[in-house]
Amino acid sequence: MGPTALSRRELLAFAGLGAGMLAVAGCRDSVDDGTSSQDATAPPSSADLVLVRRTERRVATLAGALAGAASDHRELRAVLRPLAARHREHVRAFAPDSEELRFPTPVLPNTAATTLAAVTNLERQAAVATRDAALRASSGELAGALASAAACMAQHVVLLDAARDDVRGDS
């Protein structure tokens, strides 16, 4: 089975993701008016450090789950590998000083359809948890980074839902 063309839904989803990333980047530059409660040079709060570590672990597990599912199910590789790569980028962004990053792979179901349902659920849960972390962050910069990661995860859910429709259609 060779490479497939993007469906209209996937193309629109990618276009929306790109527009969203530009909006977040633009928002980040315009939001900082110098009146934030935390000095830009101040060390992060301990609460923010906890948010970062929890997010890092959650996203690393998600990256491992997607990579494991892609490895186990050839028919899912084209969809899952890019998502896993994006999450590895997120982990590196949240843990830039880590020398050894781990991407644990949780136990996943056996069939492609049930595996896809499981990773979609993990992605959805991670999006909600990361959004909630963004709302609790005391640093505007961290809140923006977490919100951006949560938006990326929410977009992944859309792509995974579309892939689930395709897997159901193939069976």
N, C-alpha and C. Protein backbone atom coordinates (compact mmCIF):
# COMPACT_ATOMS: atom_id res chain seq x y z
N MET A 1 0.84 -1.16 0.00
CA MET A 1 0.00 0.00 0.00
C MET A 1 0.89 1.23 0.00
N GLY A 2 0.77 2.07 -0.99
CA GLY A 2 1.61 3.24 -1.14
C GLY A 2 1.08 4.43 -0.36
N PRO A 3 1.75 5.57 -0.46
CA PRO A 3 1.29 6.75 0.25
C PRO A 3 -0.08 7.17 -0.29
N THR A 4 -0.90 7.67 0.61
CA THR A 4 -2.23 8.10 0.21
C THR A 4 -2.31 9.60 0.26
N ALA A 5 -3.18 10.16 -0.56
CA ALA A 5 -3.39 11.60 -0.57
C ALA A 5 -4.16 11.99 0.68
N LEU A 6 -3.96 13.20 1.11
CA LEU A 6 -4.70 13.69 2.26
C LEU A 6 -6.17 13.88 1.89
N SER A 7 -7.04 13.50 2.79
CA SER A 7 -8.46 13.75 2.55
C SER A 7 -8.72 15.24 2.75
N ARG A 8 -9.86 15.69 2.30
CA ARG A 8 -10.22 17.09 2.45
C ARG A 8 -10.26 17.46 3.93
N ARG A 9 -10.80 16.56 4.75
CA ARG A 9 -10.89 16.79 6.20
C ARG A 9 -9.50 16.96 6.80
N GLU A 10 -8.56 16.09 6.41
CA GLU A 10 -7.20 16.17 6.95
C GLU A 10 -6.51 17.46 6.50
N LEU A 11 -6.71 17.83 5.23
CA LEU A 11 -6.10 19.04 4.71
C LEU A 11 -6.61 20.27 5.46
N LEU A 12 -7.93 20.32 5.68
CA LEU A 12 -8.50 21.43 6.43
C LEU A 12 -8.01 21.43 7.88
N ALA A 13 -7.88 20.23 8.44
CA ALA A 13 -7.40 20.14 9.82
C ALA A 13 -5.96 20.67 9.93
N PHE A 14 -5.11 20.29 8.99
CA PHE A 14 -3.73 20.77 9.02
C PHE A 14 -3.68 22.28 8.81
N ALA A 15 -4.52 22.80 7.92
CA ALA A 15 -4.56 24.24 7.67
C ALA A 15 -5.01 24.97 8.94
N GLY A 16 -6.00 24.40 9.62
CA GLY A 16 -6.47 24.99 10.87
C GLY A 16 -5.41 24.97 11.95
N LEU A 17 -4.65 23.88 12.02
CA LEU A 17 -3.58 23.78 13.00
C LEU A 17 -2.53 24.85 12.74
N GLY A 18 -2.16 25.02 11.47
CA GLY A 18 -1.18 26.05 11.13
C GLY A 18 -1.65 27.44 11.49
N ALA A 19 -2.93 27.73 11.19
CA ALA A 19 -3.49 29.03 11.53
C ALA A 19 -3.53 29.22 13.04
N GLY A 20 -3.88 28.17 13.75
CA GLY A 20 -3.92 28.24 15.22
C GLY A 20 -2.55 28.51 15.81
N MET A 21 -1.53 27.84 15.26
CA MET A 21 -0.17 28.04 15.77
C MET A 21 0.27 29.49 15.52
N LEU A 22 -0.08 30.05 14.34
CA LEU A 22 0.27 31.44 14.07
C LEU A 22 -0.46 32.37 15.03
N ALA A 23 -1.72 32.06 15.31
CA ALA A 23 -2.47 32.89 16.24
C ALA A 23 -1.87 32.85 17.63
N VAL A 24 -1.47 31.66 18.08
CA VAL A 24 -0.86 31.54 19.40
C VAL A 24 0.47 32.29 19.43
N ALA A 25 1.25 32.16 18.37
CA ALA A 25 2.54 32.85 18.33
C ALA A 25 2.32 34.36 18.35
N GLY A 26 1.35 34.84 17.58
CA GLY A 26 1.05 36.26 17.56
C GLY A 26 0.52 36.73 18.90
N CYS A 27 -0.31 35.92 19.51
CA CYS A 27 -0.90 36.26 20.80
C CYS A 27 0.19 36.38 21.86
N ARG A 28 1.14 35.46 21.83
CA ARG A 28 2.19 35.45 22.83
C ARG A 28 2.97 36.76 22.79
N ASP A 29 3.26 37.26 21.59
CA ASP A 29 4.02 38.49 21.47
C ASP A 29 3.23 39.71 21.92
N SER A 30 1.91 39.72 21.67
CA SER A 30 1.13 40.90 21.98
C SER A 30 0.58 40.91 23.40
N VAL A 31 0.57 39.78 24.07
CA VAL A 31 -0.02 39.72 25.41
C VAL A 31 0.89 40.33 26.45
N ASP A 32 2.19 40.16 26.32
CA ASP A 32 3.11 40.63 27.34
C ASP A 32 3.24 42.16 27.26
N ASP A 33 2.51 42.84 28.13
CA ASP A 33 2.55 44.30 28.12
C ASP A 33 3.42 44.85 29.25
N GLY A 34 4.17 43.94 29.88
CA GLY A 34 5.07 44.37 30.95
C GLY A 34 4.41 44.48 32.31
N THR A 35 3.13 44.16 32.39
CA THR A 35 2.43 44.26 33.67
C THR A 35 2.19 42.90 34.30
N SER A 36 2.85 41.86 33.79
CA SER A 36 2.63 40.53 34.35
C SER A 36 3.12 40.49 35.79
N SER A 37 2.52 39.57 36.56
CA SER A 37 2.85 39.49 37.98
C SER A 37 4.20 38.81 38.23
N GLN A 38 4.75 38.17 37.21
CA GLN A 38 6.01 37.47 37.42
C GLN A 38 7.07 38.07 36.50
N ASP A 39 8.20 38.43 37.08
CA ASP A 39 9.31 38.98 36.33
C ASP A 39 9.82 37.93 35.34
N ALA A 40 10.13 38.37 34.13
CA ALA A 40 10.57 37.45 33.08
C ALA A 40 11.86 36.73 33.47
N THR A 41 12.67 37.33 34.34
CA THR A 41 13.92 36.70 34.73
C THR A 41 13.78 35.90 36.02
N ALA A 42 12.62 35.95 36.65
CA ALA A 42 12.41 35.22 37.91
C ALA A 42 12.37 33.73 37.64
N PRO A 43 12.86 32.93 38.59
CA PRO A 43 12.79 31.48 38.41
C PRO A 43 11.33 31.03 38.44
N PRO A 44 11.01 29.94 37.77
CA PRO A 44 9.63 29.47 37.77
C PRO A 44 9.20 29.05 39.17
N SER A 45 7.91 29.20 39.44
CA SER A 45 7.40 28.81 40.75
C SER A 45 7.44 27.29 40.87
N SER A 46 7.41 26.81 42.11
CA SER A 46 7.41 25.36 42.31
C SER A 46 6.15 24.74 41.74
N ALA A 47 5.02 25.46 41.80
CA ALA A 47 3.78 24.95 41.21
C ALA A 47 3.92 24.81 39.69
N ASP A 48 4.57 25.78 39.06
CA ASP A 48 4.79 25.69 37.61
C ASP A 48 5.72 24.53 37.26
N LEU A 49 6.73 24.31 38.10
CA LEU A 49 7.64 23.18 37.85
C LEU A 49 6.89 21.86 37.92
N VAL A 50 5.97 21.75 38.87
CA VAL A 50 5.15 20.54 38.98
C VAL A 50 4.31 20.37 37.71
N LEU A 51 3.70 21.45 37.23
CA LEU A 51 2.90 21.38 36.00
C LEU A 51 3.76 20.92 34.82
N VAL A 52 4.96 21.45 34.72
CA VAL A 52 5.86 21.07 33.62
C VAL A 52 6.22 19.60 33.70
N ARG A 53 6.59 19.12 34.89
CA ARG A 53 7.00 17.71 35.03
C ARG A 53 5.84 16.78 34.74
N ARG A 54 4.65 17.10 35.24
CA ARG A 54 3.48 16.25 34.96
C ARG A 54 3.16 16.23 33.47
N THR A 55 3.23 17.39 32.84
CA THR A 55 2.96 17.47 31.41
C THR A 55 4.00 16.70 30.62
N GLU A 56 5.24 16.86 31.01
CA GLU A 56 6.34 16.14 30.35
C GLU A 56 6.10 14.63 30.41
N ARG A 57 5.76 14.10 31.58
CA ARG A 57 5.51 12.65 31.72
C ARG A 57 4.29 12.21 30.91
N ARG A 58 3.23 13.01 30.97
CA ARG A 58 2.01 12.67 30.25
C ARG A 58 2.26 12.63 28.74
N VAL A 59 2.96 13.63 28.24
CA VAL A 59 3.21 13.71 26.80
C VAL A 59 4.21 12.64 26.36
N ALA A 60 5.19 12.33 27.21
CA ALA A 60 6.14 11.27 26.87
C ALA A 60 5.43 9.93 26.77
N THR A 61 4.51 9.67 27.69
CA THR A 61 3.74 8.42 27.63
C THR A 61 2.87 8.39 26.38
N LEU A 62 2.29 9.53 26.03
CA LEU A 62 1.47 9.61 24.82
C LEU A 62 2.32 9.37 23.58
N ALA A 63 3.51 9.95 23.53
CA ALA A 63 4.42 9.72 22.40
C ALA A 63 4.78 8.24 22.31
N GLY A 64 5.06 7.62 23.46
CA GLY A 64 5.38 6.19 23.47
C GLY A 64 4.21 5.34 23.01
N ALA A 65 3.00 5.70 23.44
CA ALA A 65 1.80 4.95 23.03
C ALA A 65 1.59 5.04 21.52
N LEU A 66 1.73 6.24 20.98
CA LEU A 66 1.54 6.42 19.54
C LEU A 66 2.62 5.69 18.74
N ALA A 67 3.86 5.78 19.20
CA ALA A 67 4.95 5.09 18.51
C ALA A 67 4.76 3.57 18.60
N GLY A 68 4.37 3.08 19.77
CA GLY A 68 4.12 1.64 19.93
C GLY A 68 2.98 1.16 19.05
N ALA A 69 1.90 1.94 19.00
CA ALA A 69 0.77 1.57 18.15
C ALA A 69 1.17 1.57 16.68
N ALA A 70 1.97 2.54 16.28
CA ALA A 70 2.43 2.60 14.89
C ALA A 70 3.32 1.41 14.57
N SER A 71 4.13 1.03 15.51
CA SER A 71 5.01 -0.12 15.32
C SER A 71 4.22 -1.42 15.21
N ASP A 72 3.16 -1.53 16.01
CA ASP A 72 2.36 -2.76 16.04
C ASP A 72 1.38 -2.88 14.88
N HIS A 73 0.96 -1.76 14.31
CA HIS A 73 -0.09 -1.78 13.28
C HIS A 73 0.35 -0.98 12.06
N ARG A 74 0.81 -1.70 11.07
CA ARG A 74 1.31 -1.08 9.83
C ARG A 74 0.30 -0.11 9.23
N GLU A 75 -0.98 -0.46 9.27
CA GLU A 75 -2.01 0.38 8.64
C GLU A 75 -2.22 1.71 9.36
N LEU A 76 -1.68 1.85 10.56
CA LEU A 76 -1.83 3.09 11.32
C LEU A 76 -0.58 3.97 11.28
N ARG A 77 0.50 3.47 10.72
CA ARG A 77 1.78 4.19 10.79
C ARG A 77 1.74 5.57 10.19
N ALA A 78 1.10 5.72 9.03
CA ALA A 78 1.08 7.02 8.36
C ALA A 78 0.40 8.09 9.21
N VAL A 79 -0.56 7.68 10.00
CA VAL A 79 -1.28 8.63 10.86
C VAL A 79 -0.54 8.85 12.17
N LEU A 80 -0.06 7.79 12.78
CA LEU A 80 0.45 7.87 14.15
C LEU A 80 1.89 8.36 14.27
N ARG A 81 2.73 8.03 13.32
CA ARG A 81 4.14 8.44 13.44
C ARG A 81 4.33 9.96 13.51
N PRO A 82 3.65 10.73 12.66
CA PRO A 82 3.83 12.19 12.77
C PRO A 82 3.33 12.75 14.11
N LEU A 83 2.27 12.16 14.64
CA LEU A 83 1.74 12.62 15.93
C LEU A 83 2.73 12.29 17.05
N ALA A 84 3.31 11.10 17.01
CA ALA A 84 4.31 10.72 18.00
C ALA A 84 5.52 11.66 17.92
N ALA A 85 5.93 11.99 16.71
CA ALA A 85 7.07 12.90 16.54
C ALA A 85 6.77 14.28 17.12
N ARG A 86 5.55 14.74 16.92
CA ARG A 86 5.16 16.05 17.48
C ARG A 86 5.23 16.02 19.00
N HIS A 87 4.78 14.92 19.60
CA HIS A 87 4.82 14.82 21.06
C HIS A 87 6.25 14.70 21.58
N ARG A 88 7.12 14.05 20.83
CA ARG A 88 8.53 14.01 21.25
C ARG A 88 9.10 15.43 21.25
N GLU A 89 8.69 16.25 20.27
CA GLU A 89 9.12 17.65 20.25
C GLU A 89 8.61 18.40 21.49
N HIS A 90 7.36 18.13 21.86
CA HIS A 90 6.80 18.77 23.06
C HIS A 90 7.59 18.38 24.30
N VAL A 91 7.92 17.10 24.41
CA VAL A 91 8.67 16.64 25.58
C VAL A 91 10.02 17.35 25.63
N ARG A 92 10.68 17.44 24.49
CA ARG A 92 11.99 18.13 24.46
C ARG A 92 11.84 19.60 24.83
N ALA A 93 10.72 20.22 24.44
CA ALA A 93 10.49 21.62 24.79
C ALA A 93 10.26 21.79 26.28
N PHE A 94 9.55 20.85 26.89
CA PHE A 94 9.26 20.94 28.32
C PHE A 94 10.42 20.46 29.17
N ALA A 95 11.35 19.70 28.60
CA ALA A 95 12.50 19.19 29.35
C ALA A 95 13.78 19.39 28.55
N PRO A 96 14.12 20.65 28.23
CA PRO A 96 15.28 20.89 27.36
C PRO A 96 16.61 20.47 27.96
N ASP A 97 16.69 20.37 29.29
CA ASP A 97 17.96 20.04 29.94
C ASP A 97 18.11 18.55 30.23
N SER A 98 17.06 17.77 29.95
CA SER A 98 17.13 16.34 30.21
C SER A 98 18.07 15.67 29.21
N GLU A 99 19.01 14.92 29.75
CA GLU A 99 19.95 14.21 28.88
C GLU A 99 19.33 12.94 28.32
N GLU A 100 18.55 12.27 29.14
CA GLU A 100 17.96 11.00 28.72
C GLU A 100 16.44 11.09 28.84
N LEU A 101 15.78 11.20 27.71
CA LEU A 101 14.33 11.26 27.70
C LEU A 101 13.77 9.85 27.52
N ARG A 102 12.74 9.55 28.26
CA ARG A 102 12.09 8.24 28.18
C ARG A 102 10.69 8.42 27.61
N PHE A 103 10.31 7.47 26.75
CA PHE A 103 8.99 7.47 26.15
C PHE A 103 8.35 6.12 26.41
N PRO A 104 7.79 5.93 27.62
CA PRO A 104 7.22 4.63 27.97
C PRO A 104 6.05 4.27 27.07
N THR A 105 5.91 2.98 26.78
CA THR A 105 4.82 2.50 25.95
C THR A 105 3.84 1.71 26.81
N PRO A 106 2.62 2.24 26.98
CA PRO A 106 1.63 1.50 27.76
C PRO A 106 1.14 0.28 26.97
N VAL A 107 0.53 -0.65 27.67
CA VAL A 107 -0.05 -1.82 27.01
C VAL A 107 -1.27 -1.36 26.23
N LEU A 108 -1.32 -1.75 24.97
CA LEU A 108 -2.42 -1.35 24.09
C LEU A 108 -3.17 -2.58 23.60
N PRO A 109 -4.42 -2.40 23.18
CA PRO A 109 -5.20 -3.53 22.64
C PRO A 109 -4.55 -4.14 21.40
N ASN A 110 -5.06 -5.29 20.98
CA ASN A 110 -4.45 -6.03 19.87
C ASN A 110 -4.84 -5.58 18.48
N THR A 111 -6.09 -5.20 18.27
CA THR A 111 -6.52 -4.87 16.91
C THR A 111 -6.26 -3.40 16.60
N ALA A 112 -6.14 -3.10 15.32
CA ALA A 112 -5.90 -1.72 14.90
C ALA A 112 -7.03 -0.80 15.35
N ALA A 113 -8.26 -1.25 15.20
CA ALA A 113 -9.41 -0.41 15.56
C ALA A 113 -9.44 -0.12 17.06
N THR A 114 -9.22 -1.12 17.88
CA THR A 114 -9.25 -0.89 19.33
C THR A 114 -8.03 -0.12 19.81
N THR A 115 -6.90 -0.34 19.16
CA THR A 115 -5.71 0.44 19.49
C THR A 115 -5.93 1.91 19.15
N LEU A 116 -6.50 2.16 17.99
CA LEU A 116 -6.76 3.54 17.57
C LEU A 116 -7.74 4.21 18.53
N ALA A 117 -8.75 3.47 18.97
CA ALA A 117 -9.70 4.02 19.95
C ALA A 117 -8.97 4.33 21.26
N ALA A 118 -8.07 3.46 21.68
CA ALA A 118 -7.33 3.67 22.93
C ALA A 118 -6.42 4.89 22.85
N VAL A 119 -5.67 5.04 21.76
CA VAL A 119 -4.76 6.19 21.66
C VAL A 119 -5.55 7.48 21.46
N THR A 120 -6.70 7.40 20.81
CA THR A 120 -7.55 8.59 20.69
C THR A 120 -8.02 9.03 22.07
N ASN A 121 -8.40 8.08 22.89
CA ASN A 121 -8.82 8.40 24.26
C ASN A 121 -7.66 8.97 25.07
N LEU A 122 -6.47 8.40 24.94
CA LEU A 122 -5.29 8.95 25.64
C LEU A 122 -5.01 10.39 25.20
N GLU A 123 -5.11 10.61 23.90
CA GLU A 123 -4.87 11.95 23.34
C GLU A 123 -5.90 12.95 23.88
N ARG A 124 -7.15 12.54 23.91
CA ARG A 124 -8.23 13.39 24.42
C ARG A 124 -7.99 13.74 25.90
N GLN A 125 -7.66 12.73 26.70
CA GLN A 125 -7.39 12.96 28.13
C GLN A 125 -6.20 13.89 28.32
N ALA A 126 -5.16 13.70 27.52
CA ALA A 126 -3.97 14.54 27.62
C ALA A 126 -4.30 15.98 27.23
N ALA A 127 -5.13 16.17 26.21
CA ALA A 127 -5.51 17.52 25.79
C ALA A 127 -6.24 18.25 26.92
N VAL A 128 -7.16 17.57 27.56
CA VAL A 128 -7.91 18.18 28.67
C VAL A 128 -6.98 18.50 29.84
N ALA A 129 -6.14 17.54 30.21
CA ALA A 129 -5.23 17.74 31.35
C ALA A 129 -4.24 18.87 31.06
N THR A 130 -3.76 18.96 29.83
CA THR A 130 -2.78 20.00 29.48
C THR A 130 -3.45 21.37 29.43
N ARG A 131 -4.68 21.41 28.93
CA ARG A 131 -5.44 22.66 28.95
C ARG A 131 -5.65 23.13 30.38
N ASP A 132 -6.02 22.20 31.25
CA ASP A 132 -6.22 22.54 32.67
C ASP A 132 -4.92 23.04 33.30
N ALA A 133 -3.81 22.43 32.93
CA ALA A 133 -2.50 22.88 33.44
C ALA A 133 -2.21 24.30 32.97
N ALA A 134 -2.56 24.60 31.72
CA ALA A 134 -2.35 25.96 31.20
C ALA A 134 -3.14 26.98 32.00
N LEU A 135 -4.34 26.61 32.42
CA LEU A 135 -5.16 27.53 33.20
C LEU A 135 -4.62 27.74 34.61
N ARG A 136 -3.84 26.78 35.12
CA ARG A 136 -3.28 26.90 36.47
C ARG A 136 -1.88 27.52 36.48
N ALA A 137 -1.24 27.64 35.34
CA ALA A 137 0.13 28.16 35.29
C ALA A 137 0.19 29.61 35.76
N SER A 138 1.19 29.93 36.55
CA SER A 138 1.34 31.32 37.01
C SER A 138 2.15 32.14 36.03
N SER A 139 2.96 31.49 35.23
CA SER A 139 3.76 32.17 34.22
C SER A 139 2.97 32.25 32.91
N GLY A 140 2.90 33.43 32.34
CA GLY A 140 2.22 33.59 31.06
C GLY A 140 2.89 32.81 29.95
N GLU A 141 4.21 32.76 29.99
CA GLU A 141 4.94 32.00 28.97
C GLU A 141 4.63 30.51 29.06
N LEU A 142 4.61 29.97 30.27
CA LEU A 142 4.27 28.57 30.46
C LEU A 142 2.82 28.31 30.07
N ALA A 143 1.93 29.20 30.47
CA ALA A 143 0.52 29.04 30.11
C ALA A 143 0.36 28.98 28.59
N GLY A 144 1.09 29.83 27.88
CA GLY A 144 1.03 29.83 26.42
C GLY A 144 1.57 28.55 25.82
N ALA A 145 2.68 28.06 26.37
CA ALA A 145 3.27 26.82 25.86
C ALA A 145 2.34 25.63 26.11
N LEU A 146 1.75 25.59 27.30
CA LEU A 146 0.82 24.50 27.62
C LEU A 146 -0.44 24.60 26.77
N ALA A 147 -0.94 25.80 26.59
CA ALA A 147 -2.14 25.97 25.76
C ALA A 147 -1.86 25.56 24.31
N SER A 148 -0.69 25.88 23.82
CA SER A 148 -0.31 25.49 22.47
C SER A 148 -0.23 23.97 22.35
N ALA A 149 0.38 23.32 23.34
CA ALA A 149 0.46 21.86 23.33
C ALA A 149 -0.94 21.24 23.42
N ALA A 150 -1.81 21.83 24.26
CA ALA A 150 -3.18 21.32 24.38
C ALA A 150 -3.94 21.47 23.07
N ALA A 151 -3.74 22.59 22.38
CA ALA A 151 -4.40 22.79 21.09
C ALA A 151 -3.90 21.77 20.07
N CYS A 152 -2.62 21.47 20.11
CA CYS A 152 -2.05 20.46 19.22
C CYS A 152 -2.69 19.10 19.50
N MET A 153 -2.82 18.77 20.77
CA MET A 153 -3.44 17.49 21.14
C MET A 153 -4.90 17.43 20.70
N ALA A 154 -5.61 18.54 20.86
CA ALA A 154 -7.01 18.57 20.44
C ALA A 154 -7.10 18.36 18.93
N GLN A 155 -6.17 18.92 18.20
CA GLN A 155 -6.15 18.70 16.75
C GLN A 155 -5.83 17.25 16.43
N HIS A 156 -4.96 16.64 17.20
CA HIS A 156 -4.66 15.22 17.00
C HIS A 156 -5.92 14.37 17.19
N VAL A 157 -6.76 14.74 18.16
CA VAL A 157 -8.00 14.00 18.38
C VAL A 157 -8.86 14.05 17.12
N VAL A 158 -8.93 15.20 16.49
CA VAL A 158 -9.70 15.34 15.25
C VAL A 158 -9.14 14.40 14.17
N LEU A 159 -7.82 14.39 14.02
CA LEU A 159 -7.18 13.54 13.03
C LEU A 159 -7.38 12.06 13.35
N LEU A 160 -7.27 11.71 14.63
CA LEU A 160 -7.46 10.32 15.04
C LEU A 160 -8.90 9.88 14.86
N ASP A 161 -9.85 10.77 15.14
CA ASP A 161 -11.26 10.43 14.90
C ASP A 161 -11.50 10.16 13.42
N ALA A 162 -10.90 10.97 12.55
CA ALA A 162 -11.04 10.75 11.11
C ALA A 162 -10.41 9.41 10.71
N ALA A 163 -9.27 9.09 11.31
CA ALA A 163 -8.61 7.81 11.01
C ALA A 163 -9.47 6.65 11.50
N ARG A 164 -10.13 6.83 12.64
CA ARG A 164 -11.03 5.78 13.15
C ARG A 164 -12.16 5.53 12.17
N ASP A 165 -12.68 6.60 11.58
CA ASP A 165 -13.73 6.44 10.57
C ASP A 165 -13.20 5.65 9.38
N ASP A 166 -11.94 5.91 8.99
CA ASP A 166 -11.34 5.20 7.86
C ASP A 166 -11.11 3.72 8.21
N VAL A 167 -10.65 3.44 9.42
CA VAL A 167 -10.39 2.05 9.84
C VAL A 167 -11.72 1.28 9.88
N ARG A 168 -12.77 1.92 10.40
CA ARG A 168 -14.08 1.28 10.42
C ARG A 168 -14.57 1.00 9.01
N GLY A 169 -14.29 1.94 8.09
CA GLY A 169 -14.73 1.78 6.71
C GLY A 169 -13.99 0.66 5.99
N ASP A 170 -12.76 0.38 6.42
CA ASP A 170 -11.96 -0.67 5.78
C ASP A 170 -12.33 -2.05 6.26
N SER A 171 -12.97 -2.15 7.44
CA SER A 171 -13.25 -3.47 7.98
C SER A 171 -14.58 -4.02 7.55
